């Protein structure tokens, strides 16, 4: 005896609609994930700037001057730590690339200046950072590198009146 069962499948339109919904949701997820990754990089940069400030204070107390490059704060390639490589910061930061940013440290007439710029602006970070011996961290929300006149993090934003 044969049972008369109707089997119904999905139409092509239904399958395409489901695929379109999945595609839209996945694109939204990827965009959101990218923003979260950039935010994580920027948070790490702020922490690493504070690490560099601490390393500079320690370097100054040991050698009587501020370090003039990241290499001087980084680990020695061989042998014991010294003024050319004090071993106060991790190797990747000492080489100038960490957390999706390119780092630089330079001597100034009053101490030192730290700069951090995203490797790919808009992908690894959406801000540039600057700090110096004052320990004030400054940032720009553009690809232009932040400097001593950039707004400080946490400072109120000034809105021009019309």
Protein backbone atom coordinates (compact mmCIF):
# COMPACT_ATOMS: atom_id res chain seq x y z
CA UNK A 1 0.00 0.00 0.00
CA UNK A 2 1.28 3.33 -0.94
CA UNK A 3 0.70 6.40 1.25
CA UNK A 4 -0.04 9.62 -0.48
CA UNK A 5 2.26 12.16 1.25
CA UNK A 6 2.85 15.54 -0.16
CA UNK A 7 6.41 16.72 0.30
CA UNK A 8 7.01 20.36 -0.03
CA UNK A 9 10.49 21.94 -0.26
CA UNK A 10 11.68 25.51 -0.20
CA UNK A 11 11.26 27.65 -3.24
CA UNK A 12 14.21 29.42 -4.77
CA UNK A 13 12.87 32.80 -3.60
CA UNK A 14 12.67 31.61 0.03
CA UNK A 15 16.25 30.32 -0.07
CA UNK A 16 17.49 33.59 -1.59
CA UNK A 17 15.70 35.65 1.07
CA UNK A 18 17.24 33.58 3.88
CA UNK A 19 20.69 33.91 2.29
CA UNK A 20 20.25 37.70 1.97
CA UNK A 21 19.27 37.97 5.66
CA UNK A 22 22.33 35.92 6.69
CA UNK A 23 24.57 38.10 4.52
CA UNK A 24 23.23 41.34 6.03
CA UNK A 25 23.68 40.03 9.57
CA UNK A 26 27.22 38.82 8.89
CA UNK A 27 28.26 42.16 7.34
CA UNK A 28 26.88 43.99 10.37
CA UNK A 29 28.80 41.63 12.64
CA UNK A 30 32.08 42.14 10.79
CA UNK A 31 31.73 45.94 10.93
CA UNK A 32 30.94 45.81 14.64
CA UNK A 33 33.86 43.45 15.27
CA UNK A 34 36.23 45.83 13.44
CA UNK A 35 35.11 48.75 15.60
CA UNK A 36 35.56 46.69 18.76
CA UNK A 37 39.05 45.66 17.64
CA UNK A 38 40.02 49.31 16.99
CA UNK A 39 38.65 50.28 20.39
CA UNK A 40 40.71 47.52 21.99
CA UNK A 41 43.86 48.72 20.20
CA UNK A 42 43.25 52.29 21.35
CA UNK A 43 42.76 51.19 24.97
CA UNK A 44 46.01 49.20 24.76
CA UNK A 45 47.81 52.26 23.35
CA UNK A 46 46.76 54.38 26.33
CA UNK A 47 48.02 51.68 28.70
CA UNK A 48 51.30 51.38 26.79
CA UNK A 49 51.81 55.16 26.92
CA UNK A 50 51.53 54.92 30.70
CA UNK A 51 54.02 52.02 30.63
CA UNK A 52 56.43 54.23 28.64
CA UNK A 53 56.06 57.04 31.20
CA UNK A 54 56.93 54.62 34.01
CA UNK A 55 59.87 53.26 32.02
CA UNK A 56 61.17 56.80 31.39
CA UNK A 57 61.01 57.61 35.13
CA UNK A 58 62.89 54.41 35.94
CA UNK A 59 65.44 55.06 33.16
CA UNK A 60 65.98 58.59 34.47
CA UNK A 61 66.52 57.34 38.02
CA UNK A 62 69.08 54.77 36.80
CA UNK A 63 70.98 56.77 34.17
CA UNK A 64 70.35 60.44 35.05
CA UNK A 65 68.62 61.32 31.76
CA UNK A 66 65.52 60.40 29.79
CA UNK A 67 65.80 57.76 27.07
CA UNK A 68 65.88 59.26 23.59
CA UNK A 69 64.56 56.20 21.72
CA UNK A 70 62.38 53.17 22.24
CA UNK A 71 65.44 50.96 21.73
CA UNK A 72 67.06 52.45 24.83
CA UNK A 73 64.03 51.36 26.88
CA UNK A 74 63.73 47.96 25.15
CA UNK A 75 65.41 44.68 26.00
CA UNK A 76 69.08 44.13 25.11
CA UNK A 77 69.76 41.90 22.09
CA UNK A 78 72.53 40.20 24.05
CA UNK A 79 74.30 40.73 27.34
CA UNK A 80 73.21 42.70 30.34
CA UNK A 81 70.84 45.65 30.36
CA UNK A 82 72.39 49.11 30.15
CA UNK A 83 71.77 52.64 28.85
CA UNK A 84 71.57 51.44 25.20
CA UNK A 85 68.95 48.78 26.07
CA UNK A 86 67.59 48.99 29.60
CA UNK A 87 65.05 46.16 29.33
CA UNK A 88 62.18 48.25 30.72
CA UNK A 89 59.58 47.65 28.00
CA UNK A 90 58.51 44.63 25.89
CA UNK A 91 60.40 43.84 22.68
CA UNK A 92 57.57 44.69 20.26
CA UNK A 93 57.12 48.13 21.80
CA UNK A 94 60.89 48.63 21.82
CA UNK A 95 60.93 47.90 18.08
CA UNK A 96 58.24 50.53 17.47
CA UNK A 97 55.23 48.38 16.53
CA UNK A 98 52.66 47.22 19.05
CA UNK A 99 48.86 47.00 19.27
CA UNK A 100 48.34 47.93 15.62
CA UNK A 101 50.24 51.20 16.06
CA UNK A 102 53.62 52.57 14.99
CA UNK A 103 55.46 54.10 17.94
CA UNK A 104 58.18 56.69 18.28
CA UNK A 105 60.02 58.24 21.21
CA UNK A 106 62.20 61.33 20.85
CA UNK A 107 64.18 63.66 23.08
CA UNK A 108 62.91 67.20 23.53
CA UNK A 109 64.42 70.22 25.25
CA UNK A 110 62.28 69.53 28.33
CA UNK A 111 62.33 65.71 28.33
CA UNK A 112 60.75 63.36 25.83
CA UNK A 113 57.81 62.98 23.45
CA UNK A 114 55.85 59.80 22.66
CA UNK A 115 53.86 59.38 19.44
CA UNK A 116 51.58 56.53 18.38
CA UNK A 117 49.99 56.40 14.91
CA UNK A 118 47.80 53.54 13.58
CA UNK A 119 49.50 51.21 11.10
CA UNK A 120 46.39 51.57 8.92
CA UNK A 121 44.22 54.53 9.88
CA UNK A 122 40.58 53.42 10.08
CA UNK A 123 41.49 49.72 10.37
CA UNK A 124 43.90 49.32 13.30
CA UNK A 125 42.91 52.61 14.94
CA UNK A 126 40.86 55.75 14.44
CA UNK A 127 42.96 58.09 16.60
CA UNK A 128 46.57 59.21 16.85
CA UNK A 129 48.18 59.76 20.25
CA UNK A 130 50.86 62.00 21.75
CA UNK A 131 52.26 62.41 25.23
CA UNK A 132 55.34 63.90 26.85
CA UNK A 133 56.96 64.24 30.27
CA UNK A 134 53.85 66.08 31.53
CA UNK A 135 52.10 62.68 31.32
CA UNK A 136 49.08 64.26 29.60
CA UNK A 137 47.84 61.98 26.84
CA UNK A 138 46.58 63.83 23.77
CA UNK A 139 44.75 62.51 20.72
CA UNK A 140 43.50 63.42 17.24
CA UNK A 141 40.51 61.81 15.59
CA UNK A 142 42.19 62.16 12.20
CA UNK A 143 45.16 60.64 10.41
CA UNK A 144 47.22 63.73 11.29
CA UNK A 145 49.60 62.82 14.14
CA UNK A 146 48.61 64.23 17.52
CA UNK A 147 50.97 66.79 19.07
CA UNK A 148 51.37 68.96 22.17
CA UNK A 149 48.47 71.21 21.10
CA UNK A 150 46.01 68.36 20.41
CA UNK A 151 43.10 67.92 22.83
CA UNK A 152 43.83 65.93 25.97
CA UNK A 153 41.93 62.72 26.55
CA UNK A 154 39.02 63.51 28.84
CA UNK A 155 39.19 67.24 28.14
CA UNK A 156 35.88 68.90 27.27
CA UNK A 157 35.30 69.42 23.57
CA UNK A 158 35.02 73.10 22.62
CA UNK A 159 32.18 73.84 20.25
CA UNK A 160 32.44 76.99 18.16
CA UNK A 161 29.48 79.35 18.51
CA UNK A 162 27.81 80.67 15.38
